[in-house]
Structure formats: C-alpha cells, structure tokens
C-alpha cells in the first residue's frame, strides 16, 4: 500500500480521466502508479509521454515489453 492514498478516478477530469478510463477498459482498473501521478497532471502527462514515446519509437519489441512488465510486476509483488 502506498504512503500516499490513490486518487479517486471519479474526481479526475480531462486527459487524466480519459486515460484512467482507458486503463480500466484494458486492465480492469487504472494502474496504481497512474493513480498517484494523477495528483499532478503535469507529471501524469510526462509519464504517459515517456511510455507513448517508447511505444512509438519501437525501441523495445512487443515481446520484450511484456517480459519487462512481468519482471517489474514480480519485483513489486504484483501477481500481474
């Protein structure tokens, strides 16, 4: 559990709300780290921009991205 409580997605608006909704449709709920970034929309946009740039650039292949996500989830104690 984070020391900072996660923001309630229903209290967000605009870009943040649309991204959290898209994550809910994809993953069943918003990603935990994004619920913390949502407190500061500028940070939220920066984090999303980083991931979007990595996706668009194709630096990492789809299979490698999946493996990295699994490893990070495992290190964080997530059963994802």
C-alpha atoms as a PDB file:
ATOM      1  CA  UNK A   1       0.000   0.000   0.000  1.00  0.00           C
ATOM      2  CA  UNK A   2       1.438   3.388  -0.921  1.00  0.00           C
ATOM      3  CA  UNK A   3       2.053   6.008   1.745  1.00  0.00           C
ATOM      4  CA  UNK A   4       0.095   8.472  -0.387  1.00  0.00           C
ATOM      5  CA  UNK A   5      -3.532   7.455  -0.906  1.00  0.00           C
ATOM      6  CA  UNK A   6      -4.505   6.875  -4.516  1.00  0.00           C
ATOM      7  CA  UNK A   7      -6.734   9.479  -6.118  1.00  0.00           C
ATOM      8  CA  UNK A   8     -10.341   8.553  -6.807  1.00  0.00           C
ATOM      9  CA  UNK A   9     -10.634   8.250 -10.619  1.00  0.00           C
ATOM     10  CA  UNK A  10     -14.117   9.781 -10.429  1.00  0.00           C
ATOM     11  CA  UNK A  11     -12.545  13.003  -9.126  1.00  0.00           C
ATOM     12  CA  UNK A  12     -10.390  13.478 -12.226  1.00  0.00           C
ATOM     13  CA  UNK A  13     -11.251  15.366 -15.398  1.00  0.00           C
ATOM     14  CA  UNK A  14      -9.988  15.851 -18.925  1.00  0.00           C
ATOM     15  CA  UNK A  15      -6.942  13.979 -20.157  1.00  0.00           C
ATOM     16  CA  UNK A  16      -6.297  12.233 -16.838  1.00  0.00           C
ATOM     17  CA  UNK A  17      -9.882  10.968 -16.626  1.00  0.00           C
ATOM     18  CA  UNK A  18      -9.816   9.684 -20.197  1.00  0.00           C
ATOM     19  CA  UNK A  19      -6.523   7.844 -19.666  1.00  0.00           C
ATOM     20  CA  UNK A  20      -7.711   6.254 -16.407  1.00  0.00           C
ATOM     21  CA  UNK A  21     -10.910   5.170 -18.155  1.00  0.00           C
ATOM     22  CA  UNK A  22      -8.888   3.611 -20.998  1.00  0.00           C
ATOM     23  CA  UNK A  23      -6.735   1.757 -18.466  1.00  0.00           C
ATOM     24  CA  UNK A  24      -9.866   0.450 -16.764  1.00  0.00           C
ATOM     25  CA  UNK A  25     -11.146  -0.854 -20.089  1.00  0.00           C
ATOM     26  CA  UNK A  26      -7.802  -2.505 -20.844  1.00  0.00           C
ATOM     27  CA  UNK A  27      -6.690  -3.783 -17.430  1.00  0.00           C
ATOM     28  CA  UNK A  28      -9.898  -3.832 -15.367  1.00  0.00           C
ATOM     29  CA  UNK A  29      -8.763  -0.893 -13.234  1.00  0.00           C
ATOM     30  CA  UNK A  30      -6.405   2.077 -13.526  1.00  0.00           C
ATOM     31  CA  UNK A  31      -2.727   1.345 -12.972  1.00  0.00           C
ATOM     32  CA  UNK A  32      -1.664   2.107  -9.400  1.00  0.00           C
ATOM     33  CA  UNK A  33       1.206   4.419 -10.288  1.00  0.00           C
ATOM     34  CA  UNK A  34      -1.094   6.480 -12.516  1.00  0.00           C
ATOM     35  CA  UNK A  35      -3.468   6.982  -9.590  1.00  0.00           C
ATOM     36  CA  UNK A  36      -0.584   8.714  -7.834  1.00  0.00           C
ATOM     37  CA  UNK A  37       0.587  10.655 -10.904  1.00  0.00           C
ATOM     38  CA  UNK A  38      -2.996  11.924 -11.260  1.00  0.00           C
ATOM     39  CA  UNK A  39      -2.464  14.269  -8.304  1.00  0.00           C
ATOM     40  CA  UNK A  40      -0.155  16.276 -10.561  1.00  0.00           C
ATOM     41  CA  UNK A  41      -1.500  16.342 -14.129  1.00  0.00           C
ATOM     42  CA  UNK A  42       1.838  17.653 -15.430  1.00  0.00           C
ATOM     43  CA  UNK A  43       3.638  14.593 -14.066  1.00  0.00           C
ATOM     44  CA  UNK A  44       0.851  12.392 -15.381  1.00  0.00           C
ATOM     45  CA  UNK A  45       1.296  13.765 -18.905  1.00  0.00           C
ATOM     46  CA  UNK A  46       5.085  13.416 -18.660  1.00  0.00           C
ATOM     47  CA  UNK A  47       4.887   9.768 -17.594  1.00  0.00           C
ATOM     48  CA  UNK A  48       2.340   8.974 -20.300  1.00  0.00           C
ATOM     49  CA  UNK A  49       4.504  10.807 -22.815  1.00  0.00           C
ATOM     50  CA  UNK A  50       7.509   8.694 -21.901  1.00  0.00           C
ATOM     51  CA  UNK A  51       5.582   5.435 -22.401  1.00  0.00           C
ATOM     52  CA  UNK A  52       3.986   6.703 -25.611  1.00  0.00           C
ATOM     53  CA  UNK A  53       7.411   7.682 -26.987  1.00  0.00           C
ATOM     54  CA  UNK A  54       8.852   4.261 -26.192  1.00  0.00           C
ATOM     55  CA  UNK A  55       5.874   2.592 -27.857  1.00  0.00           C
ATOM     56  CA  UNK A  56       6.079   4.815 -30.944  1.00  0.00           C
ATOM     57  CA  UNK A  57       9.847   4.502 -31.286  1.00  0.00           C
ATOM     58  CA  UNK A  58       9.752   0.731 -31.230  1.00  0.00           C
ATOM     59  CA  UNK A  59      12.978   0.556 -29.206  1.00  0.00           C
ATOM     60  CA  UNK A  60      11.634  -2.470 -27.403  1.00  0.00           C
ATOM     61  CA  UNK A  61       9.746  -5.189 -29.219  1.00  0.00           C
ATOM     62  CA  UNK A  62       6.295  -6.221 -28.044  1.00  0.00           C
ATOM     63  CA  UNK A  63       7.569  -9.473 -26.555  1.00  0.00           C
ATOM     64  CA  UNK A  64      10.333  -7.705 -24.619  1.00  0.00           C
ATOM     65  CA  UNK A  65       7.899  -5.094 -23.281  1.00  0.00           C
ATOM     66  CA  UNK A  66       5.695  -7.908 -21.964  1.00  0.00           C
ATOM     67  CA  UNK A  67       8.659  -9.596 -20.290  1.00  0.00           C
ATOM     68  CA  UNK A  68       9.814  -6.341 -18.713  1.00  0.00           C
ATOM     69  CA  UNK A  69       6.297  -5.638 -17.416  1.00  0.00           C
ATOM     70  CA  UNK A  70       6.104  -9.126 -15.903  1.00  0.00           C
ATOM     71  CA  UNK A  71       9.504  -8.734 -14.245  1.00  0.00           C
ATOM     72  CA  UNK A  72       8.714  -5.335 -12.785  1.00  0.00           C
ATOM     73  CA  UNK A  73       5.351  -6.605 -11.531  1.00  0.00           C
ATOM     74  CA  UNK A  74       7.078  -9.567  -9.919  1.00  0.00           C
ATOM     75  CA  UNK A  75       9.655  -7.324  -8.238  1.00  0.00           C
ATOM     76  CA  UNK A  76       6.800  -5.192  -6.885  1.00  0.00           C
ATOM     77  CA  UNK A  77       4.964  -8.232  -5.519  1.00  0.00           C
ATOM     78  CA  UNK A  78       2.173  -7.925  -8.081  1.00  0.00           C
ATOM     79  CA  UNK A  79       0.623 -11.096  -9.498  1.00  0.00           C
ATOM     80  CA  UNK A  80       0.099  -9.323 -12.848  1.00  0.00           C
END
